[in-house]
């Protein structure tokens, strides 16, 4: 899952947060064929139909999906970490050719363009008081101070 994580910062009610997060580790949607042949048309469209998800076109870069924003913080004091992520999709495929027994195999790398999720995690609050998003756990581990409520609640062992 490509992720943008901003730096942690202390904010107070009414303070504006200008997001300056690191970009996704940029990568492009693409196709790799195991044989020395031209990529067959329709592979991405077929995968999109099969998954029921709109997929990024080949050549599109994840950096183009980063949302830059400024927001006014409404809560009490927080140690805020902005996060953003998309669902990466890597799929192997095999296409049977209509003539003979020849097959074309390869790999598609793309992402679900409708999966772009973003929000703010608060290091001062435990996991249960933060947005329900798997990226909050990553923000807690990567950005929150080790002794913060969020970092501690993520590391707690559940019975």
Protein backbone atom coordinates (compact mmCIF):
# COMPACT_ATOMS: atom_id res chain seq x y z
CA UNK A 1 0.00 0.00 0.00
CA UNK A 2 1.76 3.23 -1.09
CA UNK A 3 1.52 5.74 1.75
CA UNK A 4 2.10 9.44 2.36
CA UNK A 5 2.95 10.33 5.95
CA UNK A 6 3.40 13.89 7.10
CA UNK A 7 5.66 14.89 9.98
CA UNK A 8 4.14 14.83 13.45
CA UNK A 9 3.28 18.28 14.79
CA UNK A 10 1.49 19.71 17.80
CA UNK A 11 -1.63 21.67 16.82
CA UNK A 12 -4.28 23.57 18.77
CA UNK A 13 -7.92 24.45 18.07
CA UNK A 14 -8.23 26.84 15.11
CA UNK A 15 -4.66 26.30 13.90
CA UNK A 16 -4.21 25.65 10.18
CA UNK A 17 -2.35 22.55 9.10
CA UNK A 18 -0.64 22.79 5.70
CA UNK A 19 0.18 19.26 4.64
CA UNK A 20 3.71 18.84 3.38
CA UNK A 21 3.92 15.04 3.55
CA UNK A 22 6.52 12.98 1.78
CA UNK A 23 5.31 11.70 -1.55
CA UNK A 24 4.41 8.11 -2.09
CA UNK A 25 7.46 6.11 -2.91
CA UNK A 26 6.56 6.86 -6.54
CA UNK A 27 5.95 4.01 -8.92
CA UNK A 28 4.02 3.73 -12.13
CA UNK A 29 1.22 1.41 -13.14
CA UNK A 30 2.60 -1.00 -15.69
CA UNK A 31 2.68 -4.40 -17.30
CA UNK A 32 5.61 -6.79 -17.60
CA UNK A 33 5.45 -9.66 -20.09
CA UNK A 34 7.59 -12.78 -19.53
CA UNK A 35 7.95 -13.41 -23.31
CA UNK A 36 9.41 -11.10 -25.92
CA UNK A 37 6.02 -10.00 -27.26
CA UNK A 38 4.00 -6.82 -27.31
CA UNK A 39 1.60 -6.48 -24.33
CA UNK A 40 -1.83 -7.73 -25.37
CA UNK A 41 -4.60 -5.11 -25.38
CA UNK A 42 -7.35 -5.34 -22.79
CA UNK A 43 -5.37 -6.90 -19.91
CA UNK A 44 -5.99 -3.94 -17.60
CA UNK A 45 -9.66 -3.64 -18.57
CA UNK A 46 -10.19 -7.37 -17.94
CA UNK A 47 -8.49 -7.18 -14.54
CA UNK A 48 -10.59 -4.13 -13.65
CA UNK A 49 -13.78 -6.00 -14.61
CA UNK A 50 -12.73 -9.10 -12.67
CA UNK A 51 -11.91 -7.12 -9.51
CA UNK A 52 -14.84 -4.73 -9.88
CA UNK A 53 -12.50 -1.79 -9.24
CA UNK A 54 -11.36 1.14 -11.39
CA UNK A 55 -7.61 0.73 -11.94
CA UNK A 56 -4.93 3.28 -12.77
CA UNK A 57 -3.96 3.25 -16.44
CA UNK A 58 -0.50 2.00 -17.42
CA UNK A 59 2.07 4.79 -17.15
CA UNK A 60 0.17 6.73 -14.46
CA UNK A 61 2.41 7.63 -11.50
CA UNK A 62 1.26 7.41 -7.86
CA UNK A 63 2.65 10.90 -7.23
CA UNK A 64 -0.26 12.24 -9.30
CA UNK A 65 -2.73 11.02 -6.65
CA UNK A 66 -1.20 12.86 -3.67
CA UNK A 67 -3.72 15.29 -2.18
CA UNK A 68 -2.15 18.54 -0.99
CA UNK A 69 -4.34 20.30 1.54
CA UNK A 70 -4.65 22.89 4.25
CA UNK A 71 -7.18 22.32 6.99
CA UNK A 72 -8.17 24.05 10.20
CA UNK A 73 -7.82 21.82 13.25
CA UNK A 74 -11.10 21.68 15.21
CA UNK A 75 -10.25 19.54 18.24
CA UNK A 76 -8.27 20.14 21.39
CA UNK A 77 -4.49 19.98 21.29
CA UNK A 78 -3.17 17.04 19.27
CA UNK A 79 0.01 15.54 17.89
CA UNK A 80 -1.30 15.27 14.36
CA UNK A 81 0.04 13.09 11.56
CA UNK A 82 -1.61 13.42 8.14
CA UNK A 83 -1.80 10.18 6.17
CA UNK A 84 -2.85 9.15 2.68
CA UNK A 85 -2.76 5.76 0.94
CA UNK A 86 -3.99 3.82 -2.07
CA UNK A 87 -4.56 0.07 -2.47
CA UNK A 88 -1.80 -1.38 -4.61
CA UNK A 89 -2.67 -4.28 -6.90
CA UNK A 90 -0.08 -6.70 -8.25
CA UNK A 91 -1.50 -9.53 -10.33
CA UNK A 92 0.04 -12.32 -12.40
CA UNK A 93 -1.82 -13.33 -15.53
CA UNK A 94 -1.80 -16.01 -18.22
CA UNK A 95 -3.48 -15.50 -21.57
CA UNK A 96 -4.12 -18.47 -23.85
CA UNK A 97 -3.63 -17.63 -27.51
CA UNK A 98 -6.40 -18.66 -29.88
CA UNK A 99 -3.88 -20.27 -32.22
CA UNK A 100 -2.19 -23.31 -30.74
CA UNK A 101 -0.99 -24.00 -27.24
CA UNK A 102 1.02 -20.82 -26.80
CA UNK A 103 0.38 -18.73 -23.68
CA UNK A 104 1.45 -15.23 -22.69
CA UNK A 105 2.30 -14.66 -19.03
CA UNK A 106 3.17 -11.53 -17.13
CA UNK A 107 2.51 -9.25 -14.21
CA UNK A 108 0.34 -6.14 -13.82
CA UNK A 109 1.14 -3.50 -11.18
CA UNK A 110 -1.44 -0.79 -10.61
CA UNK A 111 -3.74 0.58 -7.91
CA UNK A 112 -7.43 1.00 -7.22
CA UNK A 113 -8.04 4.68 -8.07
CA UNK A 114 -11.15 4.71 -5.85
CA UNK A 115 -9.18 3.51 -2.80
CA UNK A 116 -7.47 6.84 -2.09
CA UNK A 117 -7.97 7.33 1.66
CA UNK A 118 -6.64 10.13 3.81
CA UNK A 119 -7.03 11.63 7.25
CA UNK A 120 -5.25 12.71 10.40
CA UNK A 121 -4.08 10.46 13.22
CA UNK A 122 -3.59 11.90 16.73
CA UNK A 123 -0.59 10.48 18.60
CA UNK A 124 -2.06 11.72 21.91
CA UNK A 125 -5.11 9.42 21.58
CA UNK A 126 -5.22 5.60 21.61
CA UNK A 127 -5.98 3.59 18.49
CA UNK A 128 -9.69 3.25 19.40
CA UNK A 129 -10.07 7.07 19.44
CA UNK A 130 -8.45 7.54 16.00
CA UNK A 131 -9.96 7.04 12.53
CA UNK A 132 -10.66 3.43 11.63
CA UNK A 133 -8.07 3.07 8.89
CA UNK A 134 -5.14 0.60 8.63
CA UNK A 135 -2.81 3.48 7.74
CA UNK A 136 -3.28 4.90 11.28
CA UNK A 137 -1.24 1.95 12.57
CA UNK A 138 1.54 2.77 10.10
CA UNK A 139 1.47 6.44 11.13
CA UNK A 140 1.71 5.39 14.80
CA UNK A 141 4.79 3.24 14.17
CA UNK A 142 6.52 5.53 11.67
CA UNK A 143 5.76 9.01 13.03
CA UNK A 144 4.38 9.05 16.60
CA UNK A 145 6.79 9.35 19.55
CA UNK A 146 7.45 5.92 21.09
CA UNK A 147 5.72 6.73 24.39
CA UNK A 148 2.63 8.34 22.84
CA UNK A 149 -0.83 6.89 23.50
CA UNK A 150 -1.27 5.87 19.85
CA UNK A 151 2.13 4.19 19.55
CA UNK A 152 1.61 2.29 22.81
CA UNK A 153 -1.92 1.14 21.92
CA UNK A 154 -0.73 -0.15 18.52
CA UNK A 155 2.02 -2.18 20.18
CA UNK A 156 -0.19 -3.63 22.93
CA UNK A 157 -0.73 -7.35 22.65
CA UNK A 158 -4.41 -8.25 22.46
CA UNK A 159 -5.64 -11.38 24.33
